[in-house]
Amino acid sequence: MSGPVPRFRAAGADDLDAIMAIESAVFEDDAWSSANMRAELVNPSTYYLVVVDDAAPAESRETALLGYAGLLSGVGAPQADIQTIAVVPEARGLGLGRALMQQLVAVARRRGAEEVFLEVRADNHVAQSLYRSLGFEELGVRRGYYRGGIDALTMRLTVPAPEARPARASSIGPVGSETQQ
């Protein structure tokens, strides 16, 4: 049996049920309500991304989600916020969380954000390690932020400038380089 074949795409309201299944399984007591998630998915200042499994049967491929993530970032706003991110347990360790985060940061950059913020449970060391590896720095602690009195670490990423791409070489060559025959 082969593993999943992940494909990333923008999420929409049609993804609500599949997203909520993951939300409830991953976050349990801290899960968002369906109404809150629906509002996020249709908000023009948010961008949600899902990972579908292209190895799933064709009839269920678009709803066979491996994960999702959301960003709050108004166009031209200098700050953005990672709203949520989740990967199903059976797809963890495949780099999907990292890829989701990288894509959200790229969207934030395109929308003009200079900083991206997030909160992460103080007891979620795996996620903290991922965020640090992506350049996020801890800013502080929000005491009792999550249910059960769990603290949240607030983290920030200074959005890196887009990588410069080398100029494409011209097949003609520089001006004045023509050879006389």
N, C-alpha and C. Protein backbone atom coordinates (compact mmCIF):
# COMPACT_ATOMS: atom_id res chain seq x y z
N MET A 1 0.85 -1.18 0.00
CA MET A 1 0.00 0.00 0.00
C MET A 1 0.89 1.24 0.00
N SER A 2 0.60 2.17 -0.87
CA SER A 2 1.40 3.39 -0.93
C SER A 2 0.77 4.44 -0.02
N GLY A 3 1.55 5.49 0.24
CA GLY A 3 1.10 6.56 1.12
C GLY A 3 0.26 7.58 0.39
N PRO A 4 -0.12 8.61 1.11
CA PRO A 4 -0.93 9.67 0.50
C PRO A 4 -0.14 10.45 -0.55
N VAL A 5 -0.88 11.02 -1.48
CA VAL A 5 -0.31 11.89 -2.50
C VAL A 5 -0.93 13.26 -2.27
N PRO A 6 -0.22 14.13 -1.53
CA PRO A 6 -0.82 15.41 -1.15
C PRO A 6 -0.87 16.42 -2.29
N ARG A 7 -1.98 17.16 -2.32
CA ARG A 7 -2.16 18.27 -3.25
C ARG A 7 -2.78 19.42 -2.46
N PHE A 8 -2.22 20.60 -2.59
CA PHE A 8 -2.70 21.78 -1.88
C PHE A 8 -3.63 22.58 -2.77
N ARG A 9 -4.70 23.11 -2.16
CA ARG A 9 -5.61 23.99 -2.89
C ARG A 9 -6.30 24.92 -1.90
N ALA A 10 -6.83 26.01 -2.43
CA ALA A 10 -7.58 26.94 -1.59
C ALA A 10 -8.84 26.24 -1.07
N ALA A 11 -9.19 26.53 0.16
CA ALA A 11 -10.39 25.96 0.77
C ALA A 11 -11.58 26.86 0.47
N GLY A 12 -12.75 26.26 0.52
CA GLY A 12 -13.99 27.00 0.34
C GLY A 12 -15.05 26.48 1.29
N ALA A 13 -16.22 27.07 1.24
CA ALA A 13 -17.31 26.69 2.12
C ALA A 13 -17.69 25.21 1.94
N ASP A 14 -17.47 24.65 0.74
CA ASP A 14 -17.78 23.24 0.50
C ASP A 14 -16.89 22.31 1.31
N ASP A 15 -15.79 22.81 1.83
CA ASP A 15 -14.86 22.00 2.62
C ASP A 15 -15.21 21.98 4.11
N LEU A 16 -16.24 22.70 4.50
CA LEU A 16 -16.55 22.86 5.92
C LEU A 16 -16.67 21.54 6.67
N ASP A 17 -17.45 20.59 6.16
CA ASP A 17 -17.65 19.33 6.88
C ASP A 17 -16.34 18.57 7.08
N ALA A 18 -15.53 18.50 6.03
CA ALA A 18 -14.26 17.77 6.12
C ALA A 18 -13.29 18.49 7.07
N ILE A 19 -13.27 19.82 7.02
CA ILE A 19 -12.42 20.59 7.93
C ILE A 19 -12.88 20.38 9.37
N MET A 20 -14.18 20.41 9.60
CA MET A 20 -14.69 20.25 10.97
C MET A 20 -14.42 18.85 11.51
N ALA A 21 -14.40 17.84 10.65
CA ALA A 21 -14.06 16.49 11.12
C ALA A 21 -12.62 16.47 11.65
N ILE A 22 -11.71 17.13 10.94
CA ILE A 22 -10.32 17.21 11.41
C ILE A 22 -10.24 18.09 12.65
N GLU A 23 -10.91 19.23 12.62
CA GLU A 23 -10.90 20.17 13.75
C GLU A 23 -11.31 19.47 15.04
N SER A 24 -12.40 18.71 14.99
CA SER A 24 -12.90 18.02 16.18
C SER A 24 -11.96 16.92 16.64
N ALA A 25 -11.38 16.20 15.69
CA ALA A 25 -10.48 15.10 16.04
C ALA A 25 -9.15 15.61 16.61
N VAL A 26 -8.63 16.68 16.03
CA VAL A 26 -7.30 17.16 16.43
C VAL A 26 -7.38 18.03 17.68
N PHE A 27 -8.37 18.92 17.75
CA PHE A 27 -8.39 19.89 18.84
C PHE A 27 -9.34 19.53 19.98
N GLU A 28 -10.18 18.54 19.80
CA GLU A 28 -11.11 18.06 20.81
C GLU A 28 -11.80 19.21 21.55
N ASP A 29 -11.40 19.48 22.80
CA ASP A 29 -12.07 20.51 23.61
C ASP A 29 -11.85 21.93 23.10
N ASP A 30 -10.78 22.16 22.35
CA ASP A 30 -10.48 23.50 21.84
C ASP A 30 -10.99 23.72 20.42
N ALA A 31 -11.78 22.79 19.90
CA ALA A 31 -12.25 22.90 18.51
C ALA A 31 -13.16 24.11 18.33
N TRP A 32 -13.02 24.74 17.16
CA TRP A 32 -13.90 25.85 16.81
C TRP A 32 -15.28 25.29 16.49
N SER A 33 -16.29 26.12 16.59
CA SER A 33 -17.63 25.70 16.20
C SER A 33 -17.72 25.74 14.67
N SER A 34 -18.68 25.01 14.16
CA SER A 34 -18.91 24.98 12.72
C SER A 34 -19.27 26.39 12.21
N ALA A 35 -20.04 27.13 12.99
CA ALA A 35 -20.43 28.49 12.59
C ALA A 35 -19.21 29.40 12.51
N ASN A 36 -18.30 29.29 13.48
CA ASN A 36 -17.09 30.12 13.45
C ASN A 36 -16.21 29.76 12.25
N MET A 37 -16.08 28.47 11.98
CA MET A 37 -15.25 28.05 10.85
C MET A 37 -15.87 28.49 9.53
N ARG A 38 -17.18 28.37 9.41
CA ARG A 38 -17.86 28.81 8.18
C ARG A 38 -17.59 30.31 7.96
N ALA A 39 -17.69 31.11 9.02
CA ALA A 39 -17.43 32.55 8.91
C ALA A 39 -15.99 32.81 8.45
N GLU A 40 -15.05 32.02 8.94
CA GLU A 40 -13.65 32.16 8.52
C GLU A 40 -13.50 31.86 7.03
N LEU A 41 -14.14 30.80 6.58
CA LEU A 41 -13.98 30.37 5.19
C LEU A 41 -14.52 31.37 4.18
N VAL A 42 -15.50 32.17 4.57
CA VAL A 42 -16.09 33.12 3.63
C VAL A 42 -15.63 34.55 3.85
N ASN A 43 -14.81 34.78 4.85
CA ASN A 43 -14.30 36.13 5.15
C ASN A 43 -13.28 36.53 4.09
N PRO A 44 -13.46 37.68 3.43
CA PRO A 44 -12.50 38.09 2.39
C PRO A 44 -11.10 38.43 2.93
N SER A 45 -10.98 38.62 4.23
CA SER A 45 -9.66 38.91 4.82
C SER A 45 -8.93 37.66 5.27
N THR A 46 -9.53 36.49 5.04
CA THR A 46 -8.86 35.24 5.41
C THR A 46 -8.53 34.45 4.15
N TYR A 47 -7.57 33.57 4.32
CA TYR A 47 -7.20 32.63 3.25
C TYR A 47 -7.03 31.28 3.91
N TYR A 48 -7.79 30.30 3.47
CA TYR A 48 -7.69 28.94 4.00
C TYR A 48 -7.21 28.01 2.90
N LEU A 49 -6.39 27.08 3.30
CA LEU A 49 -5.74 26.15 2.40
C LEU A 49 -6.00 24.75 2.92
N VAL A 50 -6.28 23.80 2.04
CA VAL A 50 -6.44 22.41 2.44
C VAL A 50 -5.44 21.54 1.68
N VAL A 51 -5.17 20.39 2.25
CA VAL A 51 -4.35 19.37 1.59
C VAL A 51 -5.27 18.20 1.33
N VAL A 52 -5.45 17.86 0.06
CA VAL A 52 -6.26 16.69 -0.30
C VAL A 52 -5.33 15.54 -0.65
N ASP A 53 -5.86 14.34 -0.54
CA ASP A 53 -5.08 13.14 -0.84
C ASP A 53 -5.46 12.64 -2.23
N ASP A 54 -4.59 12.89 -3.20
CA ASP A 54 -4.86 12.45 -4.57
C ASP A 54 -4.77 10.94 -4.73
N ALA A 55 -4.34 10.22 -3.68
CA ALA A 55 -4.34 8.76 -3.73
C ALA A 55 -5.68 8.19 -3.28
N ALA A 56 -6.56 9.04 -2.77
CA ALA A 56 -7.89 8.60 -2.34
C ALA A 56 -8.73 8.26 -3.56
N PRO A 57 -9.76 7.43 -3.39
CA PRO A 57 -10.65 7.12 -4.51
C PRO A 57 -11.22 8.41 -5.11
N ALA A 58 -11.38 8.42 -6.42
CA ALA A 58 -11.80 9.63 -7.14
C ALA A 58 -13.07 10.24 -6.58
N GLU A 59 -14.03 9.42 -6.18
CA GLU A 59 -15.31 9.96 -5.70
C GLU A 59 -15.19 10.69 -4.36
N SER A 60 -14.12 10.43 -3.60
CA SER A 60 -13.96 11.11 -2.31
C SER A 60 -12.71 11.96 -2.25
N ARG A 61 -12.00 12.10 -3.36
CA ARG A 61 -10.70 12.77 -3.36
C ARG A 61 -10.76 14.19 -2.81
N GLU A 62 -11.73 14.98 -3.23
CA GLU A 62 -11.79 16.38 -2.80
C GLU A 62 -12.18 16.54 -1.34
N THR A 63 -12.73 15.50 -0.73
CA THR A 63 -13.10 15.59 0.68
C THR A 63 -12.18 14.76 1.57
N ALA A 64 -11.22 14.07 0.97
CA ALA A 64 -10.25 13.27 1.74
C ALA A 64 -9.12 14.19 2.17
N LEU A 65 -9.42 15.05 3.14
CA LEU A 65 -8.43 16.04 3.56
C LEU A 65 -7.39 15.43 4.49
N LEU A 66 -6.15 15.86 4.28
CA LEU A 66 -5.04 15.47 5.15
C LEU A 66 -4.74 16.58 6.16
N GLY A 67 -5.19 17.78 5.86
CA GLY A 67 -4.95 18.91 6.75
C GLY A 67 -5.49 20.19 6.18
N TYR A 68 -5.39 21.24 6.97
CA TYR A 68 -5.83 22.56 6.55
C TYR A 68 -5.12 23.60 7.40
N ALA A 69 -5.16 24.84 6.94
CA ALA A 69 -4.59 25.95 7.70
C ALA A 69 -5.25 27.23 7.24
N GLY A 70 -5.29 28.23 8.13
CA GLY A 70 -5.93 29.48 7.81
C GLY A 70 -5.12 30.68 8.24
N LEU A 71 -5.27 31.75 7.47
CA LEU A 71 -4.54 32.99 7.67
C LEU A 71 -5.52 34.15 7.67
N LEU A 72 -5.36 35.07 8.62
CA LEU A 72 -6.09 36.33 8.61
C LEU A 72 -5.11 37.39 8.15
N SER A 73 -5.37 37.98 6.98
CA SER A 73 -4.44 38.94 6.41
C SER A 73 -5.17 39.79 5.38
N GLY A 74 -5.59 40.96 5.80
CA GLY A 74 -6.22 41.87 4.86
C GLY A 74 -5.20 42.39 3.86
N VAL A 75 -5.62 42.61 2.64
CA VAL A 75 -4.70 43.12 1.61
C VAL A 75 -4.17 44.48 2.05
N GLY A 76 -2.85 44.61 2.06
CA GLY A 76 -2.20 45.85 2.46
C GLY A 76 -1.97 45.99 3.95
N ALA A 77 -2.50 45.08 4.75
CA ALA A 77 -2.29 45.15 6.21
C ALA A 77 -0.87 44.72 6.53
N PRO A 78 -0.19 45.43 7.44
CA PRO A 78 1.20 45.09 7.74
C PRO A 78 1.38 43.85 8.61
N GLN A 79 0.28 43.39 9.22
CA GLN A 79 0.36 42.22 10.09
C GLN A 79 -0.66 41.18 9.65
N ALA A 80 -0.27 39.92 9.82
CA ALA A 80 -1.15 38.79 9.52
C ALA A 80 -1.13 37.86 10.72
N ASP A 81 -2.11 36.97 10.79
CA ASP A 81 -2.21 36.04 11.90
C ASP A 81 -2.55 34.65 11.39
N ILE A 82 -1.76 33.67 11.78
CA ILE A 82 -2.11 32.28 11.49
C ILE A 82 -3.26 31.94 12.42
N GLN A 83 -4.42 31.66 11.86
CA GLN A 83 -5.60 31.39 12.66
C GLN A 83 -5.62 29.97 13.21
N THR A 84 -5.25 29.02 12.36
CA THR A 84 -5.30 27.62 12.76
C THR A 84 -4.52 26.79 11.76
N ILE A 85 -4.09 25.63 12.21
CA ILE A 85 -3.42 24.67 11.33
C ILE A 85 -3.62 23.30 11.96
N ALA A 86 -3.93 22.31 11.13
CA ALA A 86 -4.11 20.95 11.63
C ALA A 86 -3.79 19.96 10.52
N VAL A 87 -3.15 18.87 10.91
CA VAL A 87 -2.85 17.75 10.01
C VAL A 87 -3.36 16.49 10.70
N VAL A 88 -4.04 15.63 9.95
CA VAL A 88 -4.56 14.40 10.54
C VAL A 88 -3.39 13.57 11.08
N PRO A 89 -3.60 12.88 12.20
CA PRO A 89 -2.49 12.13 12.82
C PRO A 89 -1.78 11.17 11.87
N GLU A 90 -2.52 10.50 11.00
CA GLU A 90 -1.90 9.50 10.12
C GLU A 90 -1.04 10.13 9.02
N ALA A 91 -1.13 11.45 8.83
CA ALA A 91 -0.31 12.13 7.81
C ALA A 91 0.78 13.00 8.43
N ARG A 92 0.95 12.91 9.73
CA ARG A 92 2.00 13.71 10.37
C ARG A 92 3.37 13.13 10.05
N GLY A 93 4.36 14.00 10.03
CA GLY A 93 5.72 13.57 9.72
C GLY A 93 6.03 13.56 8.23
N LEU A 94 5.08 13.99 7.40
CA LEU A 94 5.29 14.03 5.95
C LEU A 94 5.67 15.42 5.46
N GLY A 95 5.78 16.39 6.37
CA GLY A 95 6.12 17.75 5.98
C GLY A 95 4.93 18.60 5.57
N LEU A 96 3.72 18.10 5.81
CA LEU A 96 2.53 18.85 5.40
C LEU A 96 2.33 20.11 6.22
N GLY A 97 2.58 20.04 7.53
CA GLY A 97 2.46 21.22 8.38
C GLY A 97 3.41 22.31 7.93
N ARG A 98 4.65 21.94 7.66
CA ARG A 98 5.65 22.90 7.17
C ARG A 98 5.20 23.52 5.84
N ALA A 99 4.73 22.68 4.93
CA ALA A 99 4.29 23.18 3.62
C ALA A 99 3.09 24.12 3.76
N LEU A 100 2.14 23.77 4.61
CA LEU A 100 1.00 24.65 4.85
C LEU A 100 1.46 26.00 5.38
N MET A 101 2.35 25.97 6.37
CA MET A 101 2.85 27.22 6.95
C MET A 101 3.59 28.06 5.91
N GLN A 102 4.43 27.42 5.12
CA GLN A 102 5.19 28.16 4.10
C GLN A 102 4.26 28.81 3.09
N GLN A 103 3.21 28.10 2.71
CA GLN A 103 2.27 28.68 1.75
C GLN A 103 1.49 29.85 2.36
N LEU A 104 1.12 29.74 3.64
CA LEU A 104 0.41 30.85 4.28
C LEU A 104 1.31 32.08 4.41
N VAL A 105 2.57 31.87 4.74
CA VAL A 105 3.51 33.00 4.83
C VAL A 105 3.67 33.65 3.45
N ALA A 106 3.71 32.84 2.41
CA ALA A 106 3.81 33.39 1.05
C ALA A 106 2.58 34.23 0.70
N VAL A 107 1.40 33.77 1.10
CA VAL A 107 0.17 34.54 0.86
C VAL A 107 0.22 35.84 1.65
N ALA A 108 0.66 35.77 2.91
CA ALA A 108 0.77 36.98 3.73
C ALA A 108 1.71 37.99 3.07
N ARG A 109 2.83 37.50 2.54
CA ARG A 109 3.79 38.38 1.86
C ARG A 109 3.13 39.05 0.65
N ARG A 110 2.44 38.25 -0.17
CA ARG A 110 1.77 38.81 -1.36
C ARG A 110 0.72 39.85 -0.99
N ARG A 111 0.09 39.67 0.17
CA ARG A 111 -0.92 40.62 0.62
C ARG A 111 -0.31 41.84 1.30
N GLY A 112 1.00 41.86 1.47
CA GLY A 112 1.67 43.03 2.02
C GLY A 112 2.06 42.96 3.48
N ALA A 113 1.88 41.80 4.12
CA ALA A 113 2.23 41.68 5.54
C ALA A 113 3.74 41.71 5.74
N GLU A 114 4.15 42.39 6.77
CA GLU A 114 5.56 42.44 7.16
C GLU A 114 5.83 41.53 8.34
N GLU A 115 4.78 41.18 9.09
CA GLU A 115 4.90 40.30 10.24
C GLU A 115 3.73 39.32 10.24
N VAL A 116 4.00 38.09 10.72
CA VAL A 116 2.97 37.09 10.89
C VAL A 116 3.03 36.63 12.34
N PHE A 117 1.87 36.60 12.99
CA PHE A 117 1.77 36.20 14.39
C PHE A 117 1.01 34.89 14.49
N LEU A 118 1.20 34.19 15.61
CA LEU A 118 0.41 33.01 15.92
C LEU A 118 0.46 32.76 17.42
N GLU A 119 -0.49 31.95 17.88
CA GLU A 119 -0.47 31.43 19.24
C GLU A 119 -0.37 29.92 19.14
N VAL A 120 0.37 29.33 20.06
CA VAL A 120 0.53 27.88 20.10
C VAL A 120 0.48 27.44 21.55
N ARG A 121 -0.13 26.29 21.77
CA ARG A 121 -0.21 25.77 23.14
C ARG A 121 1.19 25.61 23.72
N ALA A 122 1.34 26.00 24.96
CA ALA A 122 2.63 25.90 25.64
C ALA A 122 3.09 24.46 25.77
N ASP A 123 2.15 23.51 25.71
CA ASP A 123 2.52 22.10 25.82
C ASP A 123 2.65 21.40 24.46
N ASN A 124 2.57 22.15 23.36
CA ASN A 124 2.70 21.56 22.02
C ASN A 124 4.12 21.84 21.50
N HIS A 125 5.06 21.04 21.99
CA HIS A 125 6.47 21.26 21.67
C HIS A 125 6.80 20.94 20.21
N VAL A 126 6.08 20.01 19.60
CA VAL A 126 6.33 19.68 18.19
C VAL A 126 6.00 20.89 17.31
N ALA A 127 4.84 21.50 17.54
CA ALA A 127 4.47 22.68 16.75
C ALA A 127 5.43 23.84 17.01
N GLN A 128 5.80 24.04 18.26
CA GLN A 128 6.74 25.12 18.59
C GLN A 128 8.06 24.94 17.83
N SER A 129 8.53 23.71 17.78
CA SER A 129 9.78 23.42 17.07
C SER A 129 9.64 23.74 15.58
N LEU A 130 8.52 23.36 14.99
CA LEU A 130 8.26 23.68 13.58
C LEU A 130 8.29 25.19 13.36
N TYR A 131 7.56 25.92 14.18
CA TYR A 131 7.47 27.37 14.00
C TYR A 131 8.84 28.02 14.16
N ARG A 132 9.61 27.58 15.13
CA ARG A 132 10.96 28.15 15.31
C ARG A 132 11.83 27.86 14.09
N SER A 133 11.69 26.65 13.54
CA SER A 133 12.50 26.29 12.37
C SER A 133 12.14 27.14 11.15
N LEU A 134 10.94 27.71 11.16
CA LEU A 134 10.49 28.58 10.07
C LEU A 134 10.84 30.05 10.33
N GLY A 135 11.46 30.33 11.48
CA GLY A 135 11.88 31.69 11.79
C GLY A 135 11.01 32.43 12.78
N PHE A 136 9.98 31.80 13.32
CA PHE A 136 9.14 32.45 14.32
C PHE A 136 9.91 32.57 15.63
N GLU A 137 9.70 33.69 16.32
CA GLU A 137 10.33 33.94 17.61
C GLU A 137 9.24 34.12 18.66
N GLU A 138 9.51 33.63 19.87
CA GLU A 138 8.56 33.76 20.95
C GLU A 138 8.53 35.20 21.45
N LEU A 139 7.31 35.74 21.60
CA LEU A 139 7.14 37.11 22.10
C LEU A 139 6.71 37.14 23.55
N GLY A 140 5.88 36.19 23.94
CA GLY A 140 5.36 36.20 25.30
C GLY A 140 4.41 35.06 25.54
N VAL A 141 3.75 35.12 26.69
CA VAL A 141 2.84 34.06 27.11
C VAL A 141 1.48 34.67 27.40
N ARG A 142 0.44 34.01 26.92
CA ARG A 142 -0.94 34.38 27.26
C ARG A 142 -1.43 33.33 28.23
N ARG A 143 -1.51 33.70 29.49
CA ARG A 143 -1.88 32.77 30.57
C ARG A 143 -3.32 32.29 30.41
N GLY A 144 -3.49 30.97 30.54
CA GLY A 144 -4.82 30.38 30.51
C GLY A 144 -5.59 30.60 29.23
N TYR A 145 -4.92 30.77 28.12
CA TYR A 145 -5.55 31.09 26.83
C TYR A 145 -6.43 29.94 26.32
N TYR A 146 -5.97 28.72 26.51
CA TYR A 146 -6.71 27.55 26.03
C TYR A 146 -7.52 26.93 27.15
N ARG A 147 -8.52 26.16 26.77
CA ARG A 147 -9.33 25.46 27.77
C ARG A 147 -8.44 24.62 28.67
N GLY A 148 -8.88 24.46 29.88
CA GLY A 148 -8.10 23.70 30.84
C GLY A 148 -6.98 24.53 31.45
N GLY A 149 -6.99 25.84 31.17
CA GLY A 149 -5.98 26.71 31.76
C GLY A 149 -4.60 26.62 31.12
N ILE A 150 -4.53 26.02 29.92
CA ILE A 150 -3.24 25.88 29.24
C ILE A 150 -2.82 27.24 28.67
N ASP A 151 -1.57 27.59 28.90
CA ASP A 151 -1.03 28.85 28.37
C ASP A 151 -0.78 28.75 26.87
N ALA A 152 -0.75 29.91 26.24
CA ALA A 152 -0.37 30.02 24.82
C ALA A 152 0.91 30.81 24.73
N LEU A 153 1.80 30.38 23.86
CA LEU A 153 2.96 31.17 23.51
C LEU A 153 2.58 32.00 22.30
N THR A 154 2.89 33.28 22.34
CA THR A 154 2.67 34.15 21.19
C THR A 154 3.98 34.23 20.44
N MET A 155 3.92 34.01 19.12
CA MET A 155 5.13 33.99 18.30
C MET A 155 4.96 34.93 17.12
N ARG A 156 6.10 35.41 16.61
CA ARG A 156 6.08 36.34 15.48
C ARG A 156 7.18 35.97 14.48
N LEU A 157 6.83 36.12 13.22
CA LEU A 157 7.79 35.97 12.12
C LEU A 157 7.87 37.30 11.40
N THR A 158 9.08 37.80 11.22
CA THR A 158 9.29 38.93 10.33
C THR A 158 9.33 38.34 8.93
N VAL A 159 8.39 38.74 8.09
CA VAL A 159 8.23 38.12 6.78
C VAL A 159 9.46 38.43 5.92
N PRO A 160 10.12 37.37 5.46
CA PRO A 160 11.30 37.59 4.61
C PRO A 160 10.89 38.14 3.24
N ALA A 161 11.77 38.93 2.68
CA ALA A 161 11.53 39.45 1.33
C ALA A 161 11.54 38.28 0.35
N PRO A 162 10.84 38.41 -0.77
CA PRO A 162 10.87 37.35 -1.77
C PRO A 162 12.31 37.13 -2.25
N GLU A 163 12.61 35.89 -2.54
CA GLU A 163 13.95 35.58 -3.04
C GLU A 163 14.12 36.19 -4.42
N ALA A 164 15.27 36.81 -4.63
CA ALA A 164 15.57 37.38 -5.95
C ALA A 164 15.88 36.24 -6.90
N ARG A 165 15.33 36.32 -8.07
CA ARG A 165 15.60 35.31 -9.09
C ARG A 165 16.61 35.87 -10.06
N PRO A 166 17.58 35.06 -10.46
CA PRO A 166 18.56 35.58 -11.42
C PRO A 166 17.88 35.90 -12.75
N ALA A 167 18.40 36.93 -13.40
CA ALA A 167 17.86 37.30 -14.71
C ALA A 167 18.08 36.16 -15.68
N ARG A 168 17.12 35.98 -16.56
CA ARG A 168 17.23 34.93 -17.55
C ARG A 168 18.20 35.34 -18.65
N ALA A 169 19.08 34.47 -18.99
CA ALA A 169 20.04 34.77 -20.05
C ALA A 169 19.31 34.87 -21.38
N SER A 170 19.65 35.86 -22.13
CA SER A 170 19.05 36.06 -23.44
C SER A 170 19.79 35.20 -24.46
N SER A 171 19.06 34.68 -25.41
CA SER A 171 19.71 33.88 -26.46
C SER A 171 20.46 34.79 -27.43
N ILE A 172 20.15 36.07 -27.41
CA ILE A 172 20.81 37.01 -28.31
C ILE A 172 22.15 37.43 -27.75
N GLY A 173 22.25 37.55 -26.44
CA GLY A 173 23.49 38.01 -25.82
C GLY A 173 23.44 39.50 -25.58
N PRO A 174 24.43 40.02 -24.88
CA PRO A 174 24.43 41.44 -24.56
C PRO A 174 24.61 42.29 -25.81
N VAL A 175 24.16 43.52 -25.72
CA VAL A 175 24.29 44.47 -26.83
C VAL A 175 25.76 44.64 -27.15
N GLY A 176 26.08 44.63 -28.43
CA GLY A 176 27.46 44.80 -28.87
C GLY A 176 28.26 43.52 -28.92
N SER A 177 27.61 42.37 -28.66
CA SER A 177 28.36 41.12 -28.67
C SER A 177 28.20 40.36 -29.98
N GLU A 178 27.47 40.95 -30.92
CA GLU A 178 27.25 40.26 -32.18
C GLU A 178 28.59 40.06 -32.90
N THR A 179 28.74 38.92 -33.49
CA THR A 179 29.99 38.64 -34.24
C THR A 179 29.79 38.96 -35.71
N GLN A 180 30.80 39.51 -36.31
CA GLN A 180 30.78 39.82 -37.74
C GLN A 180 31.22 38.59 -38.50
N GLN A 181 30.53 38.27 -39.56
CA GLN A 181 30.92 37.11 -40.36
C GLN A 181 31.42 37.50 -41.69
